[in-house]
Amino acid sequence: MRRVSAKSLTVWTLGHGMSEFDDYTEILADHDIELVIDIRSKPLMRFAPRFNRGRLAPALVDAGFQYVYLGDRLGGRPTGDRYYDDDGHTLYAPLNAESWFTEGIERVEQLAAEHNVALTCIEEEPERCHRHLLVGHALESRGTDVQHIRRAGYLESHAELDQRMGVTAASFIGGAWRSPMPMKGGHNRA
């Protein structure tokens, strides 16, 4: 895959949470988003079926957005025990080292070179989501500007979020670089 220069690229992120679909698309439109990249490993929502991939993709297209699914490459709940610690947290360093993950990041960069794109996941708070700690970090380290759209509609840059959360270079060393909550088996792992 041809490497796209990330210089001057911007990627936005937005967690849908329990939003109503119209509120979600209004926030996307307010930020001039043209294309939504779904980075959920398992895009099925029992409590918010309007955000199931099978419903979300056509609804976004009907609302004037494009939709691309990259959760198979950039999702935070990969298949394989080697991606989890003993407590079920996703280990980000092994994911970040996979060629398929890098290909997913490169695809995001290619799409961002052509469109205003937003990565979407369930978690509204990016500090609790892999779109900040894993995907956002990977994009920022390659020179892409990452902006997190908060539900209230305001933007928080990746650097501002890192500073607020106390994320430093040491955060990405060893076992410290992992999901903030257990992900193996789902969010509600006991």
N, C-alpha and C. Protein backbone atom coordinates (compact mmCIF):
# COMPACT_ATOMS: atom_id res chain seq x y z
N MET A 1 0.84 -1.17 0.00
CA MET A 1 0.00 0.00 0.00
C MET A 1 0.89 1.24 0.00
N ARG A 2 0.54 2.20 -0.84
CA ARG A 2 1.30 3.44 -0.94
C ARG A 2 1.14 4.27 0.32
N ARG A 3 2.26 4.74 0.85
CA ARG A 3 2.23 5.55 2.08
C ARG A 3 1.81 6.97 1.74
N VAL A 4 0.81 7.45 2.43
CA VAL A 4 0.32 8.81 2.29
C VAL A 4 1.02 9.67 3.32
N SER A 5 1.48 10.81 2.93
CA SER A 5 2.10 11.71 3.90
C SER A 5 1.02 12.21 4.86
N ALA A 6 1.25 11.99 6.14
CA ALA A 6 0.28 12.41 7.15
C ALA A 6 0.39 13.90 7.46
N LYS A 7 1.41 14.54 6.90
CA LYS A 7 1.60 15.96 7.15
C LYS A 7 0.34 16.72 6.74
N SER A 8 -0.18 17.50 7.62
CA SER A 8 -1.37 18.33 7.44
C SER A 8 -2.67 17.53 7.36
N LEU A 9 -2.66 16.24 7.68
CA LEU A 9 -3.90 15.48 7.74
C LEU A 9 -4.53 15.68 9.11
N THR A 10 -5.85 15.72 9.12
CA THR A 10 -6.60 15.76 10.37
C THR A 10 -7.60 14.63 10.35
N VAL A 11 -7.71 13.93 11.47
CA VAL A 11 -8.71 12.89 11.66
C VAL A 11 -9.46 13.24 12.93
N TRP A 12 -10.79 13.20 12.86
CA TRP A 12 -11.63 13.44 14.01
C TRP A 12 -12.09 12.10 14.57
N THR A 13 -12.48 12.07 15.83
CA THR A 13 -13.06 10.87 16.42
C THR A 13 -14.35 11.26 17.13
N LEU A 14 -15.29 10.32 17.20
CA LEU A 14 -16.56 10.57 17.88
C LEU A 14 -17.13 9.25 18.36
N GLY A 15 -17.40 9.16 19.64
CA GLY A 15 -18.07 8.00 20.19
C GLY A 15 -19.56 8.23 20.19
N HIS A 16 -20.32 7.26 19.72
CA HIS A 16 -21.77 7.47 19.64
C HIS A 16 -22.48 7.29 20.97
N GLY A 17 -21.93 6.48 21.88
CA GLY A 17 -22.57 6.27 23.17
C GLY A 17 -24.04 5.91 23.01
N MET A 18 -24.87 6.54 23.80
CA MET A 18 -26.31 6.30 23.76
C MET A 18 -27.05 7.39 22.98
N SER A 19 -26.33 8.11 22.14
CA SER A 19 -26.92 9.20 21.37
C SER A 19 -28.08 8.71 20.52
N GLU A 20 -28.94 9.64 20.20
CA GLU A 20 -29.93 9.37 19.16
C GLU A 20 -29.22 9.56 17.83
N PHE A 21 -29.65 8.85 16.81
CA PHE A 21 -28.97 8.91 15.52
C PHE A 21 -28.93 10.34 14.98
N ASP A 22 -30.04 11.07 15.08
CA ASP A 22 -30.08 12.44 14.55
C ASP A 22 -29.11 13.36 15.28
N ASP A 23 -28.95 13.18 16.58
CA ASP A 23 -27.99 13.98 17.34
C ASP A 23 -26.56 13.67 16.89
N TYR A 24 -26.30 12.39 16.69
CA TYR A 24 -24.98 11.92 16.23
C TYR A 24 -24.64 12.52 14.87
N THR A 25 -25.57 12.43 13.92
CA THR A 25 -25.28 12.96 12.58
C THR A 25 -25.22 14.49 12.58
N GLU A 26 -25.94 15.12 13.47
CA GLU A 26 -25.86 16.58 13.57
C GLU A 26 -24.46 17.01 14.02
N ILE A 27 -23.89 16.28 14.98
CA ILE A 27 -22.53 16.59 15.43
C ILE A 27 -21.54 16.35 14.30
N LEU A 28 -21.71 15.26 13.57
CA LEU A 28 -20.84 15.00 12.41
C LEU A 28 -20.93 16.14 11.40
N ALA A 29 -22.15 16.55 11.07
CA ALA A 29 -22.35 17.63 10.10
C ALA A 29 -21.77 18.95 10.60
N ASP A 30 -21.92 19.22 11.89
CA ASP A 30 -21.39 20.46 12.47
C ASP A 30 -19.88 20.55 12.31
N HIS A 31 -19.20 19.41 12.17
CA HIS A 31 -17.75 19.39 12.02
C HIS A 31 -17.33 19.04 10.59
N ASP A 32 -18.27 19.16 9.67
CA ASP A 32 -18.02 18.95 8.23
C ASP A 32 -17.45 17.57 7.92
N ILE A 33 -17.85 16.57 8.68
CA ILE A 33 -17.42 15.20 8.43
C ILE A 33 -18.15 14.68 7.20
N GLU A 34 -17.39 14.03 6.33
CA GLU A 34 -17.95 13.46 5.10
C GLU A 34 -18.00 11.94 5.15
N LEU A 35 -17.06 11.35 5.87
CA LEU A 35 -16.91 9.90 5.88
C LEU A 35 -16.70 9.41 7.31
N VAL A 36 -17.47 8.40 7.71
CA VAL A 36 -17.35 7.81 9.03
C VAL A 36 -16.63 6.48 8.91
N ILE A 37 -15.57 6.31 9.70
CA ILE A 37 -14.82 5.05 9.73
C ILE A 37 -15.13 4.36 11.05
N ASP A 38 -15.82 3.25 10.95
CA ASP A 38 -16.22 2.47 12.12
C ASP A 38 -15.05 1.59 12.55
N ILE A 39 -14.54 1.81 13.77
CA ILE A 39 -13.39 1.04 14.24
C ILE A 39 -13.77 0.12 15.40
N ARG A 40 -15.03 -0.25 15.49
CA ARG A 40 -15.47 -1.17 16.53
C ARG A 40 -15.20 -2.61 16.08
N SER A 41 -14.61 -3.40 16.95
CA SER A 41 -14.35 -4.80 16.65
C SER A 41 -15.66 -5.55 16.42
N LYS A 42 -16.64 -5.27 17.26
CA LYS A 42 -17.93 -5.94 17.21
C LYS A 42 -19.02 -4.87 17.14
N PRO A 43 -19.38 -4.47 15.93
CA PRO A 43 -20.35 -3.37 15.78
C PRO A 43 -21.80 -3.80 15.93
N LEU A 44 -22.10 -4.44 17.05
CA LEU A 44 -23.46 -4.83 17.39
C LEU A 44 -23.81 -4.26 18.75
N MET A 45 -24.90 -3.54 18.83
CA MET A 45 -25.28 -2.86 20.06
C MET A 45 -26.66 -3.34 20.50
N ARG A 46 -26.71 -4.17 21.52
CA ARG A 46 -27.98 -4.67 22.04
C ARG A 46 -28.81 -3.52 22.60
N PHE A 47 -28.17 -2.58 23.30
CA PHE A 47 -28.89 -1.48 23.95
C PHE A 47 -29.08 -0.27 23.04
N ALA A 48 -28.44 -0.25 21.88
CA ALA A 48 -28.60 0.85 20.92
C ALA A 48 -28.53 0.27 19.51
N PRO A 49 -29.55 -0.51 19.12
CA PRO A 49 -29.49 -1.21 17.83
C PRO A 49 -29.39 -0.29 16.62
N ARG A 50 -29.72 0.97 16.78
CA ARG A 50 -29.59 1.93 15.67
C ARG A 50 -28.13 2.09 15.24
N PHE A 51 -27.19 1.68 16.14
CA PHE A 51 -25.77 1.77 15.83
C PHE A 51 -25.17 0.42 15.43
N ASN A 52 -26.00 -0.60 15.26
CA ASN A 52 -25.50 -1.86 14.69
C ASN A 52 -25.01 -1.57 13.28
N ARG A 53 -23.94 -2.20 12.90
CA ARG A 53 -23.33 -1.94 11.59
C ARG A 53 -24.35 -2.07 10.46
N GLY A 54 -25.19 -3.09 10.52
CA GLY A 54 -26.18 -3.31 9.47
C GLY A 54 -27.19 -2.19 9.33
N ARG A 55 -27.45 -1.48 10.41
CA ARG A 55 -28.36 -0.32 10.37
C ARG A 55 -27.59 0.98 10.17
N LEU A 56 -26.44 1.08 10.82
CA LEU A 56 -25.68 2.33 10.80
C LEU A 56 -25.18 2.69 9.40
N ALA A 57 -24.60 1.73 8.72
CA ALA A 57 -24.02 2.02 7.40
C ALA A 57 -25.06 2.61 6.44
N PRO A 58 -26.21 1.95 6.22
CA PRO A 58 -27.18 2.55 5.28
C PRO A 58 -27.80 3.84 5.80
N ALA A 59 -27.98 3.96 7.12
CA ALA A 59 -28.55 5.18 7.67
C ALA A 59 -27.61 6.37 7.45
N LEU A 60 -26.31 6.14 7.62
CA LEU A 60 -25.35 7.21 7.37
C LEU A 60 -25.35 7.61 5.90
N VAL A 61 -25.38 6.63 5.02
CA VAL A 61 -25.42 6.93 3.58
C VAL A 61 -26.69 7.72 3.25
N ASP A 62 -27.82 7.30 3.81
CA ASP A 62 -29.08 8.03 3.58
C ASP A 62 -29.00 9.46 4.10
N ALA A 63 -28.20 9.68 5.16
CA ALA A 63 -28.05 11.02 5.74
C ALA A 63 -26.98 11.84 5.04
N GLY A 64 -26.35 11.27 3.99
CA GLY A 64 -25.38 12.02 3.20
C GLY A 64 -23.92 11.80 3.56
N PHE A 65 -23.64 10.81 4.38
CA PHE A 65 -22.26 10.49 4.77
C PHE A 65 -21.83 9.21 4.06
N GLN A 66 -20.52 9.03 3.96
CA GLN A 66 -19.97 7.76 3.50
C GLN A 66 -19.59 6.95 4.73
N TYR A 67 -19.51 5.63 4.56
CA TYR A 67 -19.22 4.73 5.68
C TYR A 67 -18.18 3.71 5.25
N VAL A 68 -17.19 3.51 6.10
CA VAL A 68 -16.16 2.49 5.87
C VAL A 68 -15.97 1.74 7.18
N TYR A 69 -15.90 0.42 7.10
CA TYR A 69 -15.67 -0.40 8.28
C TYR A 69 -14.20 -0.83 8.32
N LEU A 70 -13.49 -0.49 9.42
CA LEU A 70 -12.11 -0.93 9.62
C LEU A 70 -11.91 -1.56 11.00
N GLY A 71 -12.99 -1.99 11.62
CA GLY A 71 -12.89 -2.61 12.93
C GLY A 71 -12.12 -3.91 12.93
N ASP A 72 -12.06 -4.57 11.77
CA ASP A 72 -11.29 -5.81 11.67
C ASP A 72 -9.79 -5.54 11.74
N ARG A 73 -9.36 -4.32 11.48
CA ARG A 73 -7.94 -3.95 11.54
C ARG A 73 -7.63 -3.04 12.73
N LEU A 74 -8.57 -2.20 13.10
CA LEU A 74 -8.30 -1.18 14.11
C LEU A 74 -9.15 -1.33 15.37
N GLY A 75 -9.88 -2.40 15.50
CA GLY A 75 -10.73 -2.61 16.67
C GLY A 75 -9.92 -2.88 17.93
N GLY A 76 -10.50 -2.59 19.06
CA GLY A 76 -9.84 -2.74 20.34
C GLY A 76 -10.07 -4.07 21.04
N ARG A 77 -10.76 -4.99 20.34
CA ARG A 77 -11.02 -6.31 20.91
C ARG A 77 -10.61 -7.39 19.92
N PRO A 78 -9.31 -7.54 19.68
CA PRO A 78 -8.84 -8.50 18.69
C PRO A 78 -9.02 -9.95 19.16
N THR A 79 -8.96 -10.85 18.20
CA THR A 79 -9.02 -12.28 18.50
C THR A 79 -7.62 -12.78 18.81
N GLY A 80 -7.49 -13.53 19.87
CA GLY A 80 -6.20 -14.12 20.23
C GLY A 80 -5.76 -13.73 21.62
N ASP A 81 -5.45 -14.72 22.45
CA ASP A 81 -5.07 -14.48 23.84
C ASP A 81 -3.82 -13.61 23.97
N ARG A 82 -2.94 -13.63 22.99
CA ARG A 82 -1.69 -12.88 23.11
C ARG A 82 -1.90 -11.37 23.16
N TYR A 83 -3.11 -10.93 22.81
CA TYR A 83 -3.41 -9.49 22.83
C TYR A 83 -4.02 -9.03 24.15
N TYR A 84 -4.07 -9.92 25.15
CA TYR A 84 -4.69 -9.58 26.42
C TYR A 84 -3.78 -9.95 27.59
N ASP A 85 -3.86 -9.15 28.67
CA ASP A 85 -3.14 -9.52 29.87
C ASP A 85 -4.02 -10.44 30.72
N ASP A 86 -3.53 -10.83 31.87
CA ASP A 86 -4.26 -11.78 32.72
C ASP A 86 -5.58 -11.21 33.24
N ASP A 87 -5.69 -9.90 33.27
CA ASP A 87 -6.93 -9.26 33.73
C ASP A 87 -7.91 -8.98 32.60
N GLY A 88 -7.54 -9.34 31.35
CA GLY A 88 -8.43 -9.14 30.21
C GLY A 88 -8.30 -7.80 29.51
N HIS A 89 -7.32 -6.98 29.93
CA HIS A 89 -7.08 -5.70 29.25
C HIS A 89 -6.40 -5.97 27.91
N THR A 90 -6.80 -5.24 26.89
CA THR A 90 -6.14 -5.34 25.59
C THR A 90 -4.75 -4.72 25.68
N LEU A 91 -3.75 -5.47 25.22
CA LEU A 91 -2.37 -4.97 25.18
C LEU A 91 -2.14 -4.29 23.84
N TYR A 92 -1.86 -3.00 23.88
CA TYR A 92 -1.77 -2.22 22.65
C TYR A 92 -0.46 -2.38 21.89
N ALA A 93 0.65 -2.64 22.57
CA ALA A 93 1.94 -2.76 21.86
C ALA A 93 1.91 -3.89 20.83
N PRO A 94 1.43 -5.10 21.16
CA PRO A 94 1.39 -6.15 20.13
C PRO A 94 0.46 -5.80 18.96
N LEU A 95 -0.63 -5.12 19.25
CA LEU A 95 -1.53 -4.70 18.16
C LEU A 95 -0.85 -3.70 17.26
N ASN A 96 -0.22 -2.70 17.86
CA ASN A 96 0.46 -1.65 17.11
C ASN A 96 1.56 -2.20 16.21
N ALA A 97 2.11 -3.35 16.56
CA ALA A 97 3.21 -3.96 15.80
C ALA A 97 2.71 -4.82 14.63
N GLU A 98 1.42 -5.11 14.57
CA GLU A 98 0.89 -5.98 13.51
C GLU A 98 0.81 -5.25 12.17
N SER A 99 1.16 -5.95 11.10
CA SER A 99 1.11 -5.35 9.76
C SER A 99 -0.33 -4.98 9.39
N TRP A 100 -1.31 -5.79 9.79
CA TRP A 100 -2.70 -5.47 9.45
C TRP A 100 -3.18 -4.22 10.18
N PHE A 101 -2.66 -3.95 11.38
CA PHE A 101 -3.00 -2.72 12.09
C PHE A 101 -2.40 -1.52 11.35
N THR A 102 -1.13 -1.64 10.97
CA THR A 102 -0.47 -0.56 10.22
C THR A 102 -1.20 -0.30 8.91
N GLU A 103 -1.63 -1.36 8.22
CA GLU A 103 -2.40 -1.18 6.98
C GLU A 103 -3.70 -0.43 7.25
N GLY A 104 -4.33 -0.70 8.39
CA GLY A 104 -5.55 0.03 8.76
C GLY A 104 -5.27 1.50 8.99
N ILE A 105 -4.17 1.80 9.68
CA ILE A 105 -3.77 3.20 9.91
C ILE A 105 -3.49 3.89 8.57
N GLU A 106 -2.79 3.20 7.68
CA GLU A 106 -2.50 3.77 6.36
C GLU A 106 -3.79 4.02 5.57
N ARG A 107 -4.77 3.15 5.72
CA ARG A 107 -6.05 3.33 5.03
C ARG A 107 -6.76 4.57 5.58
N VAL A 108 -6.72 4.77 6.88
CA VAL A 108 -7.30 5.98 7.48
C VAL A 108 -6.62 7.22 6.90
N GLU A 109 -5.29 7.19 6.82
CA GLU A 109 -4.55 8.33 6.26
C GLU A 109 -4.94 8.59 4.81
N GLN A 110 -5.09 7.53 4.02
CA GLN A 110 -5.50 7.70 2.63
C GLN A 110 -6.88 8.33 2.53
N LEU A 111 -7.80 7.85 3.34
CA LEU A 111 -9.16 8.41 3.33
C LEU A 111 -9.16 9.85 3.82
N ALA A 112 -8.34 10.14 4.84
CA ALA A 112 -8.26 11.50 5.38
C ALA A 112 -7.64 12.48 4.38
N ALA A 113 -6.85 11.97 3.46
CA ALA A 113 -6.26 12.82 2.42
C ALA A 113 -7.32 13.24 1.40
N GLU A 114 -8.43 12.51 1.36
CA GLU A 114 -9.48 12.76 0.37
C GLU A 114 -10.77 13.33 0.96
N HIS A 115 -10.99 13.10 2.25
CA HIS A 115 -12.26 13.46 2.90
C HIS A 115 -12.00 13.94 4.33
N ASN A 116 -12.99 14.63 4.89
CA ASN A 116 -13.00 14.87 6.33
C ASN A 116 -13.57 13.61 6.96
N VAL A 117 -12.72 12.89 7.72
CA VAL A 117 -13.13 11.61 8.27
C VAL A 117 -13.22 11.67 9.80
N ALA A 118 -14.15 10.86 10.32
CA ALA A 118 -14.27 10.69 11.76
C ALA A 118 -14.24 9.19 12.06
N LEU A 119 -13.37 8.82 12.99
CA LEU A 119 -13.36 7.46 13.51
C LEU A 119 -14.49 7.37 14.51
N THR A 120 -15.26 6.29 14.46
CA THR A 120 -16.34 6.16 15.43
C THR A 120 -16.23 4.86 16.20
N CYS A 121 -16.63 4.93 17.45
CA CYS A 121 -16.66 3.79 18.35
C CYS A 121 -17.81 4.05 19.32
N ILE A 122 -18.03 3.15 20.24
CA ILE A 122 -19.15 3.32 21.17
C ILE A 122 -18.86 4.33 22.28
N GLU A 123 -17.69 4.28 22.84
CA GLU A 123 -17.37 5.05 24.05
C GLU A 123 -17.33 6.55 23.76
N GLU A 124 -18.19 7.33 24.43
CA GLU A 124 -18.19 8.77 24.22
C GLU A 124 -16.89 9.39 24.70
N GLU A 125 -16.38 8.92 25.82
CA GLU A 125 -15.19 9.51 26.40
C GLU A 125 -13.94 8.90 25.77
N PRO A 126 -13.23 9.65 24.93
CA PRO A 126 -12.08 9.07 24.24
C PRO A 126 -10.99 8.58 25.18
N GLU A 127 -10.90 9.16 26.37
CA GLU A 127 -9.88 8.71 27.32
C GLU A 127 -10.14 7.29 27.81
N ARG A 128 -11.33 6.77 27.57
CA ARG A 128 -11.69 5.40 27.96
C ARG A 128 -11.75 4.48 26.74
N CYS A 129 -11.27 4.96 25.60
CA CYS A 129 -11.46 4.24 24.34
C CYS A 129 -10.15 4.05 23.58
N HIS A 130 -10.08 2.96 22.85
CA HIS A 130 -8.90 2.68 22.03
C HIS A 130 -8.72 3.69 20.90
N ARG A 131 -9.77 4.44 20.56
CA ARG A 131 -9.59 5.42 19.48
C ARG A 131 -8.65 6.54 19.92
N HIS A 132 -8.50 6.76 21.23
CA HIS A 132 -7.52 7.71 21.74
C HIS A 132 -6.20 7.01 22.02
N LEU A 133 -6.23 6.02 22.90
CA LEU A 133 -5.00 5.42 23.42
C LEU A 133 -4.24 4.55 22.43
N LEU A 134 -4.92 3.98 21.46
CA LEU A 134 -4.26 3.12 20.48
C LEU A 134 -4.24 3.78 19.10
N VAL A 135 -5.40 3.94 18.50
CA VAL A 135 -5.48 4.44 17.13
C VAL A 135 -5.03 5.90 17.06
N GLY A 136 -5.51 6.73 17.98
CA GLY A 136 -5.10 8.13 17.99
C GLY A 136 -3.60 8.28 18.17
N HIS A 137 -3.04 7.48 19.09
CA HIS A 137 -1.59 7.53 19.30
C HIS A 137 -0.84 7.13 18.04
N ALA A 138 -1.29 6.06 17.39
CA ALA A 138 -0.62 5.61 16.16
C ALA A 138 -0.67 6.69 15.08
N LEU A 139 -1.82 7.33 14.92
CA LEU A 139 -1.95 8.39 13.91
C LEU A 139 -1.08 9.60 14.27
N GLU A 140 -1.14 10.04 15.52
CA GLU A 140 -0.34 11.19 15.95
C GLU A 140 1.15 10.93 15.79
N SER A 141 1.59 9.71 16.10
CA SER A 141 3.02 9.39 15.99
C SER A 141 3.49 9.44 14.54
N ARG A 142 2.55 9.36 13.59
CA ARG A 142 2.88 9.43 12.17
C ARG A 142 2.66 10.84 11.61
N GLY A 143 2.28 11.79 12.47
CA GLY A 143 2.15 13.18 12.04
C GLY A 143 0.73 13.65 11.75
N THR A 144 -0.26 12.80 11.97
CA THR A 144 -1.64 13.20 11.73
C THR A 144 -2.18 13.93 12.96
N ASP A 145 -2.90 15.02 12.73
CA ASP A 145 -3.57 15.75 13.80
C ASP A 145 -4.86 15.01 14.14
N VAL A 146 -5.04 14.65 15.41
CA VAL A 146 -6.25 13.95 15.85
C VAL A 146 -7.04 14.87 16.75
N GLN A 147 -8.31 15.04 16.41
CA GLN A 147 -9.23 15.89 17.16
C GLN A 147 -10.41 15.04 17.63
N HIS A 148 -10.65 15.04 18.94
CA HIS A 148 -11.74 14.26 19.51
C HIS A 148 -12.96 15.17 19.66
N ILE A 149 -14.06 14.78 19.02
CA ILE A 149 -15.31 15.52 19.14
C ILE A 149 -16.03 15.00 20.37
N ARG A 150 -16.31 15.89 21.28
CA ARG A 150 -17.03 15.51 22.50
C ARG A 150 -18.53 15.63 22.26
N ARG A 151 -19.31 14.88 23.00
CA ARG A 151 -20.76 14.85 22.79
C ARG A 151 -21.37 16.24 22.82
N ALA A 152 -20.84 17.12 23.63
CA ALA A 152 -21.34 18.49 23.70
C ALA A 152 -20.99 19.27 22.43
N GLY A 153 -20.18 18.67 21.55
CA GLY A 153 -19.85 19.28 20.27
C GLY A 153 -18.52 19.98 20.21
N TYR A 154 -17.87 20.19 21.35
CA TYR A 154 -16.58 20.87 21.31
C TYR A 154 -15.47 19.88 20.96
N LEU A 155 -14.33 20.41 20.54
CA LEU A 155 -13.17 19.59 20.18
C LEU A 155 -12.14 19.59 21.30
N GLU A 156 -11.48 18.44 21.44
CA GLU A 156 -10.34 18.33 22.34
C GLU A 156 -9.24 17.66 21.53
N SER A 157 -8.12 18.35 21.36
CA SER A 157 -7.04 17.78 20.57
C SER A 157 -6.46 16.57 21.30
N HIS A 158 -5.79 15.74 20.54
CA HIS A 158 -5.15 14.55 21.11
C HIS A 158 -4.13 14.98 22.17
N ALA A 159 -3.35 16.01 21.87
CA ALA A 159 -2.34 16.49 22.82
C ALA A 159 -2.99 17.04 24.08
N GLU A 160 -4.09 17.78 23.94
CA GLU A 160 -4.80 18.30 25.12
C GLU A 160 -5.34 17.16 25.98
N LEU A 161 -5.88 16.14 25.33
CA LEU A 161 -6.41 14.99 26.07
C LEU A 161 -5.29 14.25 26.78
N ASP A 162 -4.16 14.03 26.08
CA ASP A 162 -3.01 13.39 26.72
C ASP A 162 -2.57 14.18 27.95
N GLN A 163 -2.49 15.49 27.80
CA GLN A 163 -2.05 16.33 28.92
C GLN A 163 -3.04 16.25 30.08
N ARG A 164 -4.33 16.32 29.78
CA ARG A 164 -5.35 16.24 30.83
C ARG A 164 -5.31 14.90 31.55
N MET A 165 -5.02 13.83 30.81
CA MET A 165 -5.01 12.48 31.39
C MET A 165 -3.65 12.08 31.94
N GLY A 166 -2.63 12.92 31.75
CA GLY A 166 -1.30 12.59 32.24
C GLY A 166 -0.60 11.52 31.42
N VAL A 167 -0.99 11.40 30.15
CA VAL A 167 -0.36 10.42 29.26
C VAL A 167 0.99 10.98 28.83
N THR A 168 2.04 10.17 29.02
CA THR A 168 3.40 10.56 28.64
C THR A 168 4.01 9.45 27.80
N ALA A 169 5.20 9.67 27.31
CA ALA A 169 5.91 8.64 26.54
C ALA A 169 6.05 7.36 27.34
N ALA A 170 6.20 7.47 28.65
CA ALA A 170 6.33 6.28 29.51
C ALA A 170 5.05 5.45 29.52
N SER A 171 3.92 6.07 29.17
CA SER A 171 2.65 5.35 29.13
C SER A 171 2.64 4.25 28.07
N PHE A 172 3.54 4.34 27.12
CA PHE A 172 3.54 3.40 26.00
C PHE A 172 4.63 2.34 26.12
N ILE A 173 5.20 2.20 27.31
CA ILE A 173 6.28 1.25 27.54
C ILE A 173 5.74 0.04 28.30
N GLY A 174 6.11 -1.13 27.84
CA GLY A 174 5.78 -2.37 28.55
C GLY A 174 4.29 -2.59 28.69
N GLY A 175 3.88 -3.13 29.82
CA GLY A 175 2.50 -3.49 30.06
C GLY A 175 1.59 -2.32 30.36
N ALA A 176 2.15 -1.11 30.48
CA ALA A 176 1.33 0.05 30.80
C ALA A 176 0.43 0.45 29.64
N TRP A 177 0.82 0.13 28.40
CA TRP A 177 0.04 0.55 27.24
C TRP A 177 -1.03 -0.51 26.98
N ARG A 178 -2.20 -0.28 27.58
CA ARG A 178 -3.28 -1.24 27.48
C ARG A 178 -4.62 -0.53 27.59
N SER A 179 -5.67 -1.25 27.32
CA SER A 179 -7.01 -0.68 27.44
C SER A 179 -7.28 -0.29 28.90
N PRO A 180 -8.02 0.78 29.12
CA PRO A 180 -8.28 1.21 30.48
C PRO A 180 -9.21 0.26 31.26
N MET A 181 -9.97 -0.55 30.53
CA MET A 181 -10.83 -1.53 31.19
C MET A 181 -10.69 -2.87 30.48
N PRO A 182 -11.03 -3.96 31.16
CA PRO A 182 -10.94 -5.27 30.52
C PRO A 182 -11.83 -5.34 29.28
N MET A 183 -11.30 -5.86 28.20
CA MET A 183 -12.04 -5.97 26.94
C MET A 183 -12.26 -7.40 26.49
N LYS A 184 -11.46 -8.32 26.98
CA LYS A 184 -11.59 -9.71 26.56
C LYS A 184 -12.93 -10.23 27.06
N GLY A 185 -13.77 -10.66 26.15
CA GLY A 185 -15.09 -11.13 26.52
C GLY A 185 -16.11 -10.02 26.64
N GLY A 186 -15.73 -8.78 26.41
CA GLY A 186 -16.66 -7.66 26.47
C GLY A 186 -16.32 -6.70 27.57
N HIS A 187 -17.03 -5.59 27.61
CA HIS A 187 -16.79 -4.54 28.61
C HIS A 187 -17.11 -5.01 30.02
N ASN A 188 -18.05 -5.91 30.15
CA ASN A 188 -18.54 -6.28 31.47
C ASN A 188 -17.92 -7.54 32.02
N ARG A 189 -16.68 -7.79 31.68
CA ARG A 189 -15.99 -8.99 32.15
C ARG A 189 -15.88 -8.96 33.67
N ALA A 190 -16.23 -10.06 34.30
CA ALA A 190 -16.17 -10.11 35.76
C ALA A 190 -14.83 -10.60 36.23
